[in-house]
Amino acid sequence: MTEIQRALPVFPDLKGKAVLITGASTGLGAAAAEGFGRSGARVAVHYNASRDKAEQVAERVRAAGGEAVLVGGDVTQRDAPAAILTATLKAFGGLDVLVNNAGGLVKRVPIGEYSDALYDAVLDLNVRHVVAFMHQAVPLMLAQGRGGSIINVSSIAARHGGAGGSVLYAAAKGFISTATHGWAKELAQTGIRVNAVSPGVIETPFHDRYSTPAQMTAMQATIPMGRLGVPDECVGTFLYLASAAASGYVTGQVVEVNGGQYMP
């Protein structure tokens, strides 16, 4: 357990809550899953190709004091959100917290090299499945009659438009931020709160895949705190937004976690 993990508070009202985290086999999703486990939640650890890593995450959730099940599926496939939700409901009998974390840049491409295939891939991976999860999860939460928390994952790129061939990804995350505001308004009187976490430059497999060392150095130079973030530094925000006791009057917010790189 890291020092950050040891310092994180436990949220007693999350004990026993059913939580689904998409893209939870690595990075932010994996860190969040373990954080929910320390608060005694029941966590559906979603993965696509990384089943072995997802099982390791599930083991850490259990070791932390929570329950965990694995839920597989490629969120870019149109029938995947329904299947993932069905598996979660089968395991836990309900859904209290949905974390729409799955996403990715696809690849860095300059404007002159855009293609319809790239555009579709970016939307499928970052927008369409989030809309589908909202469309299908919200009625389930409403039918349960006990409210709930939905936490979307945006990005600092949604604020500044991205760079280095990442504009389509940044625009997709901009959709997530804007939709979070709208969904929160629509659901405000139902007991379902909708918020977003907007990470800055966090050391995850995302940047291992899409960013060069030179790009990482350049980004770090723009951060007032003078360093990159780590996934555990986002966990407290996820738990806070999930906890009705801690954030029951908070909805429609996009919470920036970026070391001061962007200050709205």
Protein backbone atom coordinates (compact mmCIF):
# COMPACT_ATOMS: atom_id res chain seq x y z
CA MET A 1 0.00 0.00 0.00
CA THR A 2 1.37 3.41 -0.94
CA GLU A 3 1.49 6.43 1.36
CA ILE A 4 -1.28 8.03 -0.69
CA GLN A 5 -3.46 4.94 -0.27
CA ARG A 6 -2.85 4.88 3.48
CA ALA A 7 -3.83 8.55 3.76
CA LEU A 8 -7.13 8.19 1.88
CA PRO A 9 -10.22 8.30 4.09
CA VAL A 10 -12.73 5.48 4.24
CA PHE A 11 -16.29 6.45 3.30
CA PRO A 12 -18.58 4.28 5.47
CA ASP A 13 -21.67 4.93 3.35
CA LEU A 14 -19.97 3.19 0.40
CA LYS A 15 -19.80 -0.11 2.28
CA GLY A 16 -21.83 -2.71 0.41
CA LYS A 17 -22.59 -0.37 -2.50
CA ALA A 18 -22.56 -1.92 -5.97
CA VAL A 19 -20.00 -0.15 -8.16
CA LEU A 20 -19.24 -0.67 -11.85
CA ILE A 21 -15.98 0.79 -13.17
CA THR A 22 -15.34 0.52 -16.89
CA GLY A 23 -11.74 0.20 -18.02
CA ALA A 24 -10.67 -0.91 -14.54
CA SER A 25 -7.82 -3.28 -15.37
CA THR A 26 -5.13 -0.56 -15.35
CA GLY A 27 -4.50 3.11 -14.62
CA LEU A 28 -7.14 5.32 -13.06
CA GLY A 29 -9.83 2.64 -13.16
CA ALA A 30 -7.65 0.13 -11.32
CA ALA A 31 -6.70 2.66 -8.65
CA ALA A 32 -10.33 3.68 -8.19
CA ALA A 33 -11.43 0.05 -7.88
CA GLU A 34 -8.98 -0.57 -5.06
CA GLY A 35 -10.07 2.65 -3.37
CA PHE A 36 -13.70 1.55 -3.42
CA GLY A 37 -12.59 -1.79 -2.02
CA ARG A 38 -11.03 -0.08 1.00
CA SER A 39 -14.43 1.47 1.72
CA GLY A 40 -16.04 -1.98 1.60
CA ALA A 41 -17.82 -1.59 -1.74
CA ARG A 42 -18.70 -4.37 -4.14
CA VAL A 43 -16.83 -3.63 -7.35
CA ALA A 44 -17.42 -4.90 -10.89
CA VAL A 45 -13.98 -4.65 -12.47
CA HIS A 46 -14.55 -4.22 -16.18
CA TYR A 47 -11.85 -5.12 -18.68
CA ASN A 48 -11.52 -5.70 -22.41
CA ALA A 49 -8.31 -7.52 -23.34
CA SER A 50 -6.43 -7.41 -20.02
CA ARG A 51 -8.14 -10.15 -18.03
CA ASP A 52 -4.99 -11.09 -16.11
CA LYS A 53 -4.48 -7.51 -14.97
CA ALA A 54 -8.17 -7.21 -14.11
CA GLU A 55 -7.92 -10.31 -11.92
CA GLN A 56 -4.98 -8.73 -10.10
CA VAL A 57 -7.09 -5.62 -9.51
CA ALA A 58 -9.96 -7.75 -8.22
CA GLU A 59 -7.59 -9.50 -5.82
CA ARG A 60 -6.43 -6.12 -4.48
CA VAL A 61 -10.05 -5.03 -4.04
CA ARG A 62 -10.76 -8.15 -2.00
CA ALA A 63 -7.56 -7.75 0.02
CA ALA A 64 -8.60 -4.17 0.80
CA GLY A 65 -11.90 -5.34 2.27
CA GLY A 66 -14.32 -5.17 -0.64
CA GLU A 67 -15.94 -7.65 -2.98
CA ALA A 68 -15.03 -7.93 -6.65
CA VAL A 69 -16.18 -9.62 -9.83
CA LEU A 70 -14.73 -9.46 -13.31
CA VAL A 71 -16.88 -8.21 -16.16
CA GLY A 72 -15.46 -8.44 -19.68
CA GLY A 73 -16.47 -6.71 -22.88
CA ASP A 74 -15.33 -4.38 -25.66
CA VAL A 75 -17.20 -1.13 -25.00
CA THR A 76 -16.83 -0.09 -28.65
CA GLN A 77 -19.26 -2.86 -29.59
CA ARG A 78 -22.85 -1.64 -29.57
CA ASP A 79 -24.23 -4.51 -27.46
CA ALA A 80 -21.46 -4.38 -24.85
CA PRO A 81 -22.88 -1.82 -22.38
CA ALA A 82 -26.10 -3.82 -21.95
CA ALA A 83 -24.15 -7.05 -21.44
CA ILE A 84 -21.76 -5.43 -18.94
CA LEU A 85 -24.64 -3.96 -16.94
CA THR A 86 -26.49 -7.28 -17.00
CA ALA A 87 -23.44 -9.09 -15.64
CA THR A 88 -23.07 -6.49 -12.89
CA LEU A 89 -26.72 -6.79 -11.89
CA LYS A 90 -26.46 -10.57 -11.88
CA ALA A 91 -23.48 -10.38 -9.51
CA PHE A 92 -24.70 -7.66 -7.16
CA GLY A 93 -28.46 -7.37 -7.67
CA GLY A 94 -28.27 -3.63 -8.31
CA LEU A 95 -26.12 -0.66 -9.20
CA ASP A 96 -25.33 2.31 -6.96
CA VAL A 97 -22.25 3.86 -8.59
CA LEU A 98 -21.26 3.89 -12.26
CA VAL A 99 -17.80 5.12 -13.21
CA ASN A 100 -17.53 5.68 -16.96
CA ASN A 101 -13.75 5.47 -17.15
CA ALA A 102 -13.02 3.49 -20.32
CA GLY A 103 -11.51 5.59 -23.09
CA GLY A 104 -8.36 6.38 -25.00
CA LEU A 105 -6.69 8.59 -27.55
CA VAL A 106 -6.58 5.87 -30.29
CA LYS A 107 -3.55 7.58 -31.87
CA ARG A 108 -2.05 11.01 -32.45
CA VAL A 109 -3.00 12.23 -35.92
CA PRO A 110 -2.57 15.67 -37.54
CA ILE A 111 -5.57 17.31 -39.22
CA GLY A 112 -4.43 16.45 -42.72
CA GLU A 113 -4.46 12.74 -41.94
CA TYR A 114 -7.94 12.46 -40.42
CA SER A 115 -10.15 9.67 -41.74
CA ASP A 116 -13.72 8.53 -41.17
CA ALA A 117 -12.36 5.38 -39.55
CA LEU A 118 -10.31 7.38 -37.05
CA TYR A 119 -13.25 9.66 -36.25
CA ASP A 120 -15.53 6.68 -35.64
CA ALA A 121 -12.90 4.95 -33.51
CA VAL A 122 -12.43 8.00 -31.27
CA LEU A 123 -16.18 8.44 -30.82
CA ASP A 124 -16.77 4.74 -30.18
CA LEU A 125 -14.06 4.60 -27.53
CA ASN A 126 -14.82 7.87 -25.75
CA VAL A 127 -18.41 8.96 -26.40
CA ARG A 128 -20.87 6.41 -27.78
CA HIS A 129 -20.48 3.81 -25.06
CA VAL A 130 -20.77 6.45 -22.33
CA VAL A 131 -24.07 7.59 -23.84
CA ALA A 132 -25.19 3.96 -24.01
CA PHE A 133 -24.28 3.30 -20.38
CA MET A 134 -26.20 6.41 -19.34
CA HIS A 135 -29.19 5.40 -21.44
CA GLN A 136 -29.35 1.96 -19.86
CA ALA A 137 -28.05 2.53 -16.33
CA VAL A 138 -30.21 5.52 -15.43
CA PRO A 139 -33.55 3.64 -15.77
CA LEU A 140 -32.10 0.86 -13.60
CA MET A 141 -31.13 3.34 -10.89
CA LEU A 142 -34.51 5.04 -11.10
CA ALA A 143 -36.30 1.71 -10.73
CA GLN A 144 -34.26 0.93 -7.62
CA GLY A 145 -35.54 4.13 -6.04
CA ARG A 146 -32.44 4.81 -3.97
CA GLY A 147 -30.63 7.38 -6.12
CA GLY A 148 -27.05 6.84 -7.16
CA SER A 149 -23.86 8.43 -8.39
CA ILE A 150 -22.53 8.49 -11.94
CA ILE A 151 -18.96 9.64 -12.41
CA ASN A 152 -17.66 10.27 -15.91
CA VAL A 153 -13.98 10.67 -16.75
CA SER A 154 -13.12 13.70 -18.83
CA SER A 155 -9.63 15.16 -19.34
CA ILE A 156 -7.72 18.39 -19.07
CA ALA A 157 -7.56 18.12 -22.87
CA ALA A 158 -11.26 19.05 -22.92
CA ARG A 159 -10.26 22.44 -21.48
CA HIS A 160 -7.38 23.36 -23.78
CA GLY A 161 -8.16 21.41 -26.95
CA GLY A 162 -5.36 18.89 -26.77
CA ALA A 163 -2.08 19.04 -28.62
CA GLY A 164 0.24 16.94 -30.70
CA GLY A 165 -2.43 15.25 -32.80
CA SER A 166 -4.92 14.67 -29.99
CA VAL A 167 -7.61 17.18 -30.97
CA LEU A 168 -10.31 14.60 -31.76
CA TYR A 169 -9.74 12.96 -28.38
CA ALA A 170 -9.89 16.36 -26.66
CA ALA A 171 -13.15 17.17 -28.44
CA ALA A 172 -14.62 13.82 -27.42
CA LYS A 173 -13.74 14.55 -23.80
CA GLY A 174 -15.28 17.98 -24.24
CA PHE A 175 -18.51 16.19 -25.12
CA ILE A 176 -18.25 14.21 -21.88
CA SER A 177 -17.78 17.35 -19.80
CA THR A 178 -20.68 19.16 -21.44
CA ALA A 179 -22.98 16.14 -21.30
CA THR A 180 -22.15 15.71 -17.61
CA HIS A 181 -23.62 19.15 -16.93
CA GLY A 182 -26.75 18.38 -18.95
CA TRP A 183 -27.32 14.91 -17.50
CA ALA A 184 -26.89 16.30 -14.00
CA LYS A 185 -29.58 18.92 -14.63
CA GLU A 186 -31.98 16.37 -16.06
CA LEU A 187 -31.54 13.99 -13.12
CA ALA A 188 -31.08 16.50 -10.31
CA GLN A 189 -34.44 15.83 -8.69
CA THR A 190 -34.27 12.04 -8.98
CA GLY A 191 -31.52 11.44 -6.43
CA ILE A 192 -29.03 10.47 -9.13
CA ARG A 193 -26.00 12.76 -9.14
CA VAL A 194 -23.78 13.07 -12.22
CA ASN A 195 -20.26 14.48 -11.99
CA ALA A 196 -16.93 14.07 -13.75
CA VAL A 197 -13.29 13.74 -12.83
CA SER A 198 -10.95 15.56 -15.20
CA PRO A 199 -7.37 14.30 -14.76
CA GLY A 200 -4.34 16.24 -15.89
CA VAL A 201 -1.13 14.49 -16.87
CA ILE A 202 -1.19 11.28 -14.86
CA GLU A 203 1.43 8.55 -15.18
CA THR A 204 -0.66 5.70 -16.56
CA PRO A 205 -0.45 3.22 -19.47
CA PHE A 206 -2.34 5.89 -21.47
CA HIS A 207 0.80 8.00 -21.74
CA ASP A 208 3.05 4.96 -22.07
CA ARG A 209 1.10 4.23 -25.23
CA TYR A 210 0.49 7.68 -26.69
CA SER A 211 3.14 10.12 -25.41
CA THR A 212 6.89 10.26 -25.99
CA PRO A 213 9.33 11.07 -23.18
CA ALA A 214 9.89 14.47 -24.80
CA GLN A 215 6.15 15.18 -24.78
CA MET A 216 5.91 14.15 -21.13
CA THR A 217 8.78 16.47 -20.22
CA ALA A 218 7.14 19.35 -22.09
CA MET A 219 3.82 18.75 -20.33
CA GLN A 220 5.47 18.54 -16.93
CA ALA A 221 7.04 21.95 -17.49
CA THR A 222 3.53 23.49 -17.66
CA ILE A 223 2.44 22.09 -14.27
CA PRO A 224 2.84 24.54 -11.36
CA MET A 225 3.46 21.70 -8.91
CA GLY A 226 6.41 20.70 -11.08
CA ARG A 227 5.61 17.00 -11.37
CA LEU A 228 3.30 14.51 -13.01
CA GLY A 229 0.42 12.94 -11.10
CA VAL A 230 -0.10 9.30 -10.22
CA PRO A 231 -3.41 7.37 -10.34
CA ASP A 232 -3.81 7.19 -6.56
CA GLU A 233 -4.02 10.99 -6.49
CA CYS A 234 -7.34 10.82 -8.34
CA VAL A 235 -8.92 8.17 -6.11
CA GLY A 236 -10.05 10.51 -3.35
CA THR A 237 -12.06 12.53 -5.87
CA PHE A 238 -13.84 9.41 -7.16
CA LEU A 239 -14.72 8.31 -3.63
CA TYR A 240 -15.87 11.78 -2.61
CA LEU A 241 -18.17 12.08 -5.63
CA ALA A 242 -19.54 8.57 -5.07
CA SER A 243 -20.34 9.18 -1.40
CA ALA A 244 -23.74 10.76 -0.81
CA ALA A 245 -22.67 11.53 2.75
CA ALA A 246 -19.66 13.51 1.54
CA SER A 247 -21.02 15.09 -1.65
CA GLY A 248 -24.80 14.80 -1.51
CA TYR A 249 -25.22 18.42 -2.66
CA VAL A 250 -22.69 18.10 -5.49
CA THR A 251 -23.85 17.43 -9.04
CA GLY A 252 -22.94 18.66 -12.50
CA GLN A 253 -19.34 19.33 -11.53
CA VAL A 254 -16.19 18.57 -13.51
CA VAL A 255 -13.47 18.28 -10.89
CA GLU A 256 -9.97 19.08 -12.12
CA VAL A 257 -7.10 16.97 -10.74
CA ASN A 258 -4.04 18.37 -12.46
CA GLY A 259 -1.42 19.87 -10.15
CA GLY A 260 -2.53 23.38 -11.08
CA GLN A 261 -1.94 22.95 -14.80
CA TYR A 262 -5.43 24.30 -15.48
CA MET A 263 -7.31 26.47 -13.01
CA PRO A 264 -10.90 27.24 -14.13
